Amino acid sequence: MKQYRFPERKIWKAAFGVLLTAMLFLARDSMFTTAVIGFEKSQFLMLGVICAAGLAFLIVNRRNWKQLLTDRRMAAILICAAVCLLPMFVKGDWQLMYFSVLLCLLFGIFLTYFVKLREAARYYVVILTVLGAYSVLAAYVLRIGVDRGWFAVPVFQNAVGFEFHNFFLSVVPDSYVKNRNFGIFREPGVYQFFLITALYLNNYEVNWEKNWQLWLVNGILAGTMVSTFATGGVAEMVLLAVVLFFDKKWYRNRRICAVAAVLILTAAAVIGVSIVQQNQLYWEVYSMAIGKFVNGQDSSVERMEAVAVDLNLFFHHPLFGAKLAEVLHAVENNTTSTLILFAGFGVLGGSLSLAAWISLVWKRERKLWVNLALLVILLASFNTQNLIADVFFWLFPVMALVERVLPGQPRHHGRTVTE
């Protein structure tokens, strides 16, 4: 697919890294957006960052404006606009969230003009790895200094009034679920989506020069995932490890098998000791693995209720969906992203999301069971949260969809690159 690339200079590569990092911190599901900076200010800052990137792109490609306007991706932009905005006009449902979702789609298409999915994935994985390592350090080491009064960091309250310490590249709860890693996100259940996406991209999209780089990143991301104590996230990671073990034929590597055996035995020993002692780790694991599924706890009951309600709304409004306020407030916490899209945007909006994620995951050269398993793992990661207006929910799936649907385009003169 034809691209209009920025010059191959370090400053432009660094700028792209800054762009993705800024988008992470300003995303709807960042704690900095919801509690530190403020939602409205963050959204305007995000628009400013996107506009600045767009302006830089137009200046660098000032001789290619005609080609940009006739590029086939313009058709993708128009289709996405129709899918997102037609339901709003048909229903007379004048909500800005339709535009928020559209902005996420357009940002993904915009990136395909000058960067490939695999390149963007590498930036994302590196950023998540660095932030993940720092979040573990902040959650379990740096907080000790704050708790003991050795030094102080800014303190803020989240949307429901719990206090957090701001370590600038990570936030740490003061007392509320203080042993769980939030990273920069509003809750560990959201963090797990970003981490499992990074793990998938690291193993299936990113090409590392050295094999140790793959394993180092996998280790940091996996350790970070465990530190979230997110039930879904840990389960997804274990399933992903099983898929990788057989799909990549890691079982043929004695060293990998030995390391896997040591990790499993160590985990079993640690859990066994915690059960006997019934220490803090025991209660964290109990809450993660058992507590949510017994005694009718909210997190499991509400999510099952959300599935039923969203399906009901979709069946009653299949073409364009129900009004967004009705969908989002149909249950106390509507957390099923895929079904929210079907319920609020109708069959086209929901299908567009599924098509994008399938484009990211599905590869003809893979075995059927591998494709299905990977798709289920990723679907599980974002169907325990409402992420439909988060840029990173759409980013890589949209890039994959564009690269698949528009693989070849006519050549034009100018500084472009054709894959």
Protein backbone atom coordinates (compact mmCIF):
# COMPACT_ATOMS: atom_id res chain seq x y z
CA MET A 1 0.00 0.00 0.00
CA LYS A 2 1.31 3.40 -0.99
CA GLN A 3 2.59 5.61 1.77
CA TYR A 4 3.61 9.24 2.03
CA ARG A 5 6.34 8.87 4.58
CA PHE A 6 8.09 11.40 6.74
CA PRO A 7 11.85 11.74 6.14
CA GLU A 8 13.88 8.85 7.59
CA ARG A 9 15.43 10.97 10.32
CA LYS A 10 15.64 10.38 14.05
CA ILE A 11 13.68 13.53 14.85
CA TRP A 12 10.63 12.30 12.91
CA LYS A 13 10.87 8.83 14.46
CA ALA A 14 11.07 10.38 17.92
CA ALA A 15 8.11 12.63 17.07
CA PHE A 16 6.01 9.60 16.18
CA GLY A 17 6.91 7.98 19.49
CA VAL A 18 5.89 11.17 21.29
CA LEU A 19 2.62 11.21 19.31
CA LEU A 20 1.62 7.68 20.38
CA THR A 21 2.70 8.30 23.98
CA ALA A 22 0.66 11.50 24.13
CA MET A 23 -2.36 9.68 22.70
CA LEU A 24 -2.04 7.04 25.44
CA PHE A 25 -1.95 9.62 28.21
CA LEU A 26 -4.84 11.59 26.70
CA ALA A 27 -7.00 8.60 25.80
CA ARG A 28 -10.44 8.38 27.39
CA ASP A 29 -9.40 5.50 29.61
CA SER A 30 -6.26 7.12 30.99
CA MET A 31 -6.35 8.17 34.64
CA PHE A 32 -4.69 11.39 33.55
CA THR A 33 -7.71 12.14 31.38
CA THR A 34 -10.34 11.19 33.93
CA ALA A 35 -8.77 12.62 37.10
CA VAL A 36 -5.47 14.49 36.67
CA ILE A 37 -5.80 16.73 33.61
CA GLY A 38 -9.57 16.69 33.31
CA PHE A 39 -11.75 15.11 30.62
CA GLU A 40 -12.63 18.18 28.57
CA LYS A 41 -9.10 19.59 28.64
CA SER A 42 -7.66 16.20 27.69
CA GLN A 43 -9.98 15.87 24.71
CA PHE A 44 -9.02 19.32 23.43
CA LEU A 45 -5.35 18.48 23.95
CA MET A 46 -5.81 15.25 22.01
CA LEU A 47 -7.46 17.13 19.16
CA GLY A 48 -4.56 19.58 19.24
CA VAL A 49 -2.01 16.75 19.07
CA ILE A 50 -3.83 15.12 16.14
CA CYS A 51 -4.18 18.43 14.31
CA ALA A 52 -0.49 19.17 14.84
CA ALA A 53 0.43 15.76 13.44
CA GLY A 54 -1.92 16.30 10.50
CA LEU A 55 -0.48 19.75 9.80
CA ALA A 56 3.07 18.39 9.89
CA PHE A 57 2.03 15.62 7.50
CA LEU A 58 0.48 18.10 5.05
CA ILE A 59 3.52 20.38 5.15
CA VAL A 60 5.95 17.54 4.53
CA ASN A 61 3.73 16.26 1.69
CA ARG A 62 2.76 19.67 0.30
CA ARG A 63 3.58 18.50 -3.23
CA ASN A 64 1.29 15.48 -2.95
CA TRP A 65 -2.01 17.08 -1.93
CA LYS A 66 -3.74 16.06 -5.15
CA GLN A 67 -2.65 12.46 -4.69
CA LEU A 68 -3.77 12.55 -1.06
CA LEU A 69 -7.26 13.70 -2.06
CA THR A 70 -7.58 10.98 -4.71
CA ASP A 71 -6.08 8.25 -2.55
CA ARG A 72 -8.37 5.26 -2.02
CA ARG A 73 -8.22 5.80 1.70
CA MET A 74 -10.55 8.77 1.18
CA ALA A 75 -13.24 6.19 0.37
CA ALA A 76 -12.50 4.46 3.67
CA ILE A 77 -12.85 7.79 5.46
CA LEU A 78 -16.25 8.41 3.85
CA ILE A 79 -17.46 4.89 4.69
CA CYS A 80 -16.41 5.27 8.33
CA ALA A 81 -18.13 8.66 8.50
CA ALA A 82 -21.34 7.14 7.15
CA VAL A 83 -21.21 4.19 9.56
CA CYS A 84 -20.67 6.46 12.58
CA LEU A 85 -22.84 9.46 11.71
CA LEU A 86 -25.79 8.01 9.79
CA PRO A 87 -27.23 6.40 12.96
CA MET A 88 -27.01 9.77 14.70
CA PHE A 89 -28.99 11.56 11.97
CA VAL A 90 -31.55 8.79 11.47
CA LYS A 91 -32.30 8.58 15.20
CA GLY A 92 -31.94 12.31 15.86
CA ASP A 93 -29.58 11.32 18.64
CA TRP A 94 -27.34 14.37 18.90
CA GLN A 95 -24.49 12.97 20.94
CA LEU A 96 -20.82 13.88 20.53
CA MET A 97 -19.79 10.27 21.12
CA TYR A 98 -20.61 9.47 17.50
CA PHE A 99 -17.91 11.97 16.52
CA SER A 100 -15.56 10.60 19.19
CA VAL A 101 -15.79 7.11 17.71
CA LEU A 102 -15.34 8.53 14.21
CA LEU A 103 -12.22 10.40 15.33
CA CYS A 104 -10.72 7.10 16.56
CA LEU A 105 -11.35 5.50 13.18
CA LEU A 106 -9.95 8.46 11.26
CA PHE A 107 -6.78 8.52 13.36
CA GLY A 108 -6.11 4.88 12.46
CA ILE A 109 -6.63 5.60 8.76
CA PHE A 110 -4.44 8.70 9.01
CA LEU A 111 -1.49 6.68 10.34
CA THR A 112 -1.66 4.30 7.37
CA TYR A 113 -0.71 7.20 5.10
CA PHE A 114 2.83 7.24 6.46
CA VAL A 115 3.50 4.21 8.66
CA LYS A 116 2.87 0.48 8.40
CA LEU A 117 0.99 -1.50 11.02
CA ARG A 118 4.12 -3.45 11.99
CA GLU A 119 6.08 -0.23 12.49
CA ALA A 120 3.36 1.39 14.60
CA ALA A 121 3.02 -1.86 16.57
CA ARG A 122 6.72 -1.79 17.45
CA TYR A 123 6.45 1.76 18.80
CA TYR A 124 3.38 0.83 20.82
CA VAL A 125 4.99 -2.31 22.26
CA VAL A 126 8.13 -0.42 23.28
CA ILE A 127 6.08 2.34 24.92
CA LEU A 128 3.88 -0.16 26.81
CA THR A 129 6.94 -2.10 27.90
CA VAL A 130 8.67 0.98 29.31
CA LEU A 131 5.48 2.20 30.99
CA GLY A 132 4.79 -1.32 32.26
CA ALA A 133 8.20 -1.70 33.87
CA TYR A 134 7.88 1.72 35.47
CA SER A 135 4.35 0.98 36.71
CA VAL A 136 5.59 -2.13 38.54
CA LEU A 137 8.45 -0.11 40.03
CA ALA A 138 6.06 2.64 41.13
CA ALA A 139 3.41 0.26 42.51
CA TYR A 140 5.71 -1.93 44.59
CA VAL A 141 8.96 -0.02 45.21
CA LEU A 142 8.58 3.74 44.89
CA ARG A 143 5.35 3.72 46.88
CA ILE A 144 7.28 2.39 49.88
CA GLY A 145 9.18 5.68 50.07
CA VAL A 146 5.92 7.62 49.95
CA ASP A 147 4.21 5.41 52.53
CA ARG A 148 7.13 5.84 54.93
CA GLY A 149 7.36 9.58 54.38
CA TRP A 150 10.79 9.57 52.73
CA PHE A 151 9.49 11.72 49.87
CA ALA A 152 6.17 12.96 48.54
CA VAL A 153 4.46 13.01 45.16
CA PRO A 154 1.23 14.77 44.12
CA VAL A 155 -2.00 13.19 45.32
CA PHE A 156 -5.32 13.31 43.46
CA GLN A 157 -8.76 11.72 43.64
CA ASN A 158 -10.28 9.59 40.90
CA ALA A 159 -13.86 9.88 39.69
CA VAL A 160 -15.28 7.96 42.66
CA GLY A 161 -13.22 9.73 45.32
CA PHE A 162 -10.33 7.34 46.00
CA GLU A 163 -6.89 8.90 46.44
CA PHE A 164 -3.95 8.08 44.18
CA HIS A 165 -0.28 9.02 44.14
CA ASN A 166 0.87 10.55 40.86
CA PHE A 167 4.27 9.16 39.91
CA PHE A 168 3.96 11.02 36.58
CA LEU A 169 4.38 7.95 34.35
CA SER A 170 2.14 5.82 36.55
CA VAL A 171 -0.47 6.24 39.26
CA VAL A 172 -0.63 4.22 42.49
CA PRO A 173 -3.68 3.87 44.77
CA ASP A 174 -3.19 5.09 48.32
CA SER A 175 -5.43 2.52 50.04
CA TYR A 176 -8.10 1.33 47.59
CA VAL A 177 -6.97 -2.05 46.12
CA LYS A 178 -3.46 -0.78 46.84
CA ASN A 179 -1.75 -3.98 45.69
CA ARG A 180 -3.08 -3.76 42.14
CA ASN A 181 -1.20 -2.04 39.32
CA PHE A 182 -3.17 0.70 37.55
CA GLY A 183 -0.37 1.97 35.31
CA ILE A 184 -1.70 5.16 33.73
CA PHE A 185 -5.24 3.81 33.37
CA ARG A 186 -8.47 4.33 35.25
CA GLU A 187 -8.55 0.74 36.47
CA PRO A 188 -6.57 -2.52 36.14
CA GLY A 189 -9.35 -4.05 34.03
CA VAL A 190 -8.63 -1.42 31.39
CA TYR A 191 -4.86 -1.81 31.72
CA GLN A 192 -5.14 -5.50 30.83
CA PHE A 193 -6.60 -4.65 27.41
CA PHE A 194 -3.59 -2.50 26.52
CA LEU A 195 -1.19 -5.15 27.82
CA ILE A 196 -2.77 -8.12 26.02
CA THR A 197 -2.82 -6.08 22.82
CA ALA A 198 0.88 -5.37 23.27
CA LEU A 199 1.60 -9.06 23.93
CA TYR A 200 -0.27 -10.07 20.79
CA LEU A 201 1.51 -7.47 18.66
CA ASN A 202 4.89 -8.35 20.15
CA ASN A 203 4.57 -12.00 19.19
CA TYR A 204 2.73 -11.71 15.88
CA GLU A 205 3.46 -8.31 14.33
CA VAL A 206 6.77 -6.95 15.64
CA ASN A 207 10.01 -8.11 14.09
CA TRP A 208 12.93 -7.93 16.53
CA GLU A 209 16.55 -8.04 15.42
CA LYS A 210 17.52 -10.24 18.39
CA ASN A 211 15.55 -13.08 19.91
CA TRP A 212 16.31 -11.90 23.46
CA GLN A 213 14.45 -8.67 22.73
CA LEU A 214 11.25 -10.64 22.10
CA TRP A 215 11.62 -12.53 25.37
CA LEU A 216 12.59 -9.49 27.41
CA VAL A 217 9.51 -7.61 26.24
CA ASN A 218 7.31 -10.66 26.79
CA GLY A 219 8.66 -11.02 30.32
CA ILE A 220 8.07 -7.38 31.25
CA LEU A 221 4.58 -7.30 29.77
CA ALA A 222 3.64 -10.62 31.40
CA GLY A 223 4.95 -9.50 34.79
CA THR A 224 3.02 -6.28 34.45
CA MET A 225 -0.14 -8.18 33.56
CA VAL A 226 0.16 -10.35 36.69
CA SER A 227 0.60 -7.20 38.80
CA THR A 228 -2.82 -5.90 37.68
CA PHE A 229 -4.56 -8.92 39.27
CA ALA A 230 -7.13 -8.54 36.47
CA THR A 231 -9.02 -11.82 36.20
CA GLY A 232 -9.69 -11.56 32.50
CA GLY A 233 -6.24 -10.25 31.67
CA VAL A 234 -4.36 -13.04 33.43
CA ALA A 235 -6.67 -15.68 31.91
CA GLU A 236 -6.18 -14.17 28.45
CA MET A 237 -2.42 -14.12 28.91
CA VAL A 238 -2.34 -17.78 29.96
CA LEU A 239 -4.43 -18.73 26.93
CA LEU A 240 -2.18 -16.67 24.68
CA ALA A 241 0.87 -18.45 26.13
CA VAL A 242 -0.72 -21.83 25.34
CA VAL A 243 -1.50 -20.74 21.76
CA LEU A 244 2.03 -19.44 21.26
CA PHE A 245 3.54 -22.60 22.76
CA PHE A 246 1.93 -24.76 20.09
CA ASP A 247 1.60 -22.31 17.20
CA LYS A 248 5.25 -21.20 17.37
CA LYS A 249 6.31 -24.78 18.17
CA TRP A 250 8.08 -23.65 21.31
CA TYR A 251 7.58 -27.15 22.69
CA ARG A 252 10.49 -28.21 20.46
CA ASN A 253 12.85 -25.90 22.34
CA ARG A 254 14.16 -27.58 25.50
CA ARG A 255 15.22 -24.29 27.06
CA ILE A 256 11.77 -22.80 26.64
CA CYS A 257 10.17 -25.94 28.06
CA ALA A 258 12.50 -25.84 31.05
CA VAL A 259 11.76 -22.16 31.72
CA ALA A 260 8.02 -22.80 31.37
CA ALA A 261 8.22 -25.70 33.83
CA VAL A 262 10.14 -23.58 36.35
CA LEU A 263 7.62 -20.73 36.05
CA ILE A 264 4.65 -23.08 36.51
CA LEU A 265 6.22 -24.80 39.53
CA THR A 266 7.22 -21.48 41.07
CA ALA A 267 3.72 -20.07 40.62
CA ALA A 268 2.22 -23.23 42.11
CA ALA A 269 4.60 -23.06 45.09
CA VAL A 270 3.90 -19.37 45.74
CA ILE A 271 0.14 -19.89 45.53
CA GLY A 272 0.38 -22.99 47.74
CA VAL A 273 2.27 -21.11 50.45
CA SER A 274 -0.16 -18.19 50.26
CA ILE A 275 -3.10 -20.57 50.68
CA VAL A 276 -1.54 -22.14 53.76
CA GLN A 277 -0.66 -18.74 55.27
CA GLN A 278 -3.76 -16.98 53.92
CA ASN A 279 -1.64 -13.86 53.42
CA GLN A 280 -2.40 -10.79 51.33
CA LEU A 281 -1.48 -12.57 48.10
CA TYR A 282 -3.97 -15.32 48.94
CA TRP A 283 -6.84 -12.83 49.22
CA GLU A 284 -5.79 -11.06 46.02
CA VAL A 285 -5.74 -14.34 44.10
CA TYR A 286 -8.98 -15.47 45.76
CA SER A 287 -10.71 -12.26 44.75
CA MET A 288 -9.34 -12.53 41.21
CA ALA A 289 -10.01 -16.22 40.57
CA ILE A 290 -12.96 -17.13 42.79
CA GLY A 291 -14.55 -14.18 44.54
CA LYS A 292 -15.90 -12.56 41.39
CA PHE A 293 -17.86 -15.68 40.49
CA VAL A 294 -19.49 -16.42 43.83
CA ASN A 295 -21.93 -14.62 46.09
CA GLY A 296 -23.30 -12.61 43.14
CA GLN A 297 -20.53 -10.04 43.12
CA ASP A 298 -21.19 -6.98 40.97
CA SER A 299 -18.36 -7.34 38.46
CA SER A 300 -19.60 -10.68 37.13
CA VAL A 301 -23.34 -10.13 37.49
CA GLU A 302 -23.30 -6.71 35.81
CA ARG A 303 -21.25 -7.96 32.88
CA MET A 304 -23.62 -10.85 32.22
CA GLU A 305 -26.56 -8.48 32.53
CA ALA A 306 -24.89 -6.09 30.06
CA VAL A 307 -24.63 -8.85 27.45
CA ALA A 308 -28.34 -9.67 27.73
CA VAL A 309 -29.44 -6.02 27.66
CA ASP A 310 -27.22 -5.07 24.69
CA LEU A 311 -28.41 -8.05 22.67
CA ASN A 312 -32.02 -7.13 23.44
CA LEU A 313 -31.46 -3.53 22.33
CA PHE A 314 -29.77 -4.66 19.12
CA PHE A 315 -32.58 -7.08 18.23
CA HIS A 316 -35.10 -4.25 18.71
CA HIS A 317 -33.00 -1.71 16.74
CA PRO A 318 -30.87 -3.78 14.33
CA LEU A 319 -30.27 -1.22 11.57
CA PHE A 320 -29.06 1.88 13.40
CA GLY A 321 -29.16 0.87 17.05
CA ALA A 322 -30.90 2.47 20.02
CA LYS A 323 -30.02 5.93 21.29
CA LEU A 324 -26.63 5.97 22.96
CA ALA A 325 -27.87 7.23 26.32
CA GLU A 326 -30.32 4.33 26.43
CA VAL A 327 -27.56 1.85 25.60
CA LEU A 328 -24.92 3.20 27.96
CA HIS A 329 -27.32 3.52 30.89
CA ALA A 330 -29.32 0.37 30.24
CA VAL A 331 -27.42 -1.24 33.12
CA GLU A 332 -25.35 0.33 35.86
CA ASN A 333 -22.07 -0.57 34.14
CA ASN A 334 -22.40 -1.44 30.47
CA THR A 335 -19.00 -2.96 29.78
CA THR A 336 -19.33 -5.06 26.62
CA SER A 337 -17.65 -3.05 23.87
CA THR A 338 -18.63 -5.18 20.87
CA LEU A 339 -22.28 -5.44 21.86
CA ILE A 340 -22.41 -1.76 22.79
CA LEU A 341 -21.44 -0.97 19.21
CA PHE A 342 -24.12 -3.29 17.83
CA ALA A 343 -26.70 -1.89 20.28
CA GLY A 344 -25.82 1.78 19.71
CA PHE A 345 -24.58 1.91 16.11
CA GLY A 346 -26.55 -0.94 14.58
CA VAL A 347 -25.39 -3.80 12.40
CA LEU A 348 -22.95 -1.72 10.33
CA GLY A 349 -21.15 -0.18 13.30
CA GLY A 350 -20.83 -3.49 15.12
CA SER A 351 -19.80 -5.34 11.97
CA LEU A 352 -17.15 -2.73 11.15
CA SER A 353 -15.55 -3.28 14.54
CA LEU A 354 -15.59 -7.07 14.16
CA ALA A 355 -14.23 -6.86 10.61
CA ALA A 356 -11.37 -4.67 11.81
CA TRP A 357 -10.38 -7.04 14.63
CA ILE A 358 -10.66 -10.04 12.33
CA SER A 359 -8.39 -8.24 9.84
CA LEU A 360 -5.81 -7.74 12.58
CA VAL A 361 -5.85 -11.36 13.76
CA TRP A 362 -6.83 -13.57 10.86
CA LYS A 363 -4.01 -14.87 8.68
CA ARG A 364 -4.54 -17.44 5.93
CA GLU A 365 -1.24 -19.15 6.63
CA ARG A 366 -2.24 -19.89 10.25
CA LYS A 367 -4.21 -22.89 11.37
CA LEU A 368 -7.91 -22.29 11.87
CA TRP A 369 -7.82 -23.03 15.59
CA VAL A 370 -5.00 -20.49 16.09
CA ASN A 371 -6.94 -17.73 14.35
CA LEU A 372 -10.08 -18.52 16.33
CA ALA A 373 -8.21 -18.72 19.64
CA LEU A 374 -6.42 -15.41 19.11
CA LEU A 375 -9.65 -13.71 18.11
CA VAL A 376 -11.44 -15.02 21.22
CA ILE A 377 -8.57 -13.86 23.45
CA LEU A 378 -8.66 -10.31 22.07
CA LEU A 379 -12.47 -10.17 22.04
CA ALA A 380 -12.42 -11.16 25.71
CA SER A 381 -9.94 -8.38 26.50
CA PHE A 382 -12.21 -5.52 25.45
CA ASN A 383 -15.60 -7.01 26.22
CA THR A 384 -15.23 -6.54 29.95
CA GLN A 385 -14.93 -2.75 29.52
CA ASN A 386 -16.57 0.00 27.47
CA LEU A 387 -13.70 1.08 25.22
CA ILE A 388 -15.61 2.10 22.08
CA ALA A 389 -14.39 5.73 22.15
CA ASP A 390 -10.78 4.94 23.00
CA VAL A 391 -8.31 5.56 20.17
CA PHE A 392 -6.37 2.38 20.90
CA PHE A 393 -9.47 0.19 20.71
CA TRP A 394 -9.63 1.04 17.00
CA LEU A 395 -6.06 1.93 16.06
CA PHE A 396 -4.39 -1.35 15.06
CA PRO A 397 -7.57 -3.11 13.85
CA VAL A 398 -8.37 -0.16 11.55
CA MET A 399 -4.80 -0.06 10.24
CA ALA A 400 -5.01 -3.79 9.55
CA LEU A 401 -8.37 -3.44 7.80
CA VAL A 402 -7.09 -0.64 5.56
CA GLU A 403 -3.94 -2.57 4.68
CA ARG A 404 -6.02 -5.61 3.77
CA VAL A 405 -8.83 -3.92 1.87
CA LEU A 406 -6.63 -1.41 0.03
CA PRO A 407 -3.44 -3.41 -0.56
CA GLY A 408 -2.46 -1.92 -3.90
CA GLN A 409 -2.91 1.56 -5.35
CA PRO A 410 -1.78 3.32 -8.52
CA ARG A 411 1.70 4.79 -8.46
CA HIS A 412 2.09 8.57 -8.35
CA HIS A 413 5.11 10.73 -8.68
CA GLY A 414 6.51 12.19 -5.48
CA ARG A 415 8.22 10.99 -2.34
CA THR A 416 6.19 7.90 -1.57
CA VAL A 417 6.82 4.30 -0.68
CA THR A 418 4.93 1.36 -2.12
CA GLU A 419 4.82 -1.91 -0.27
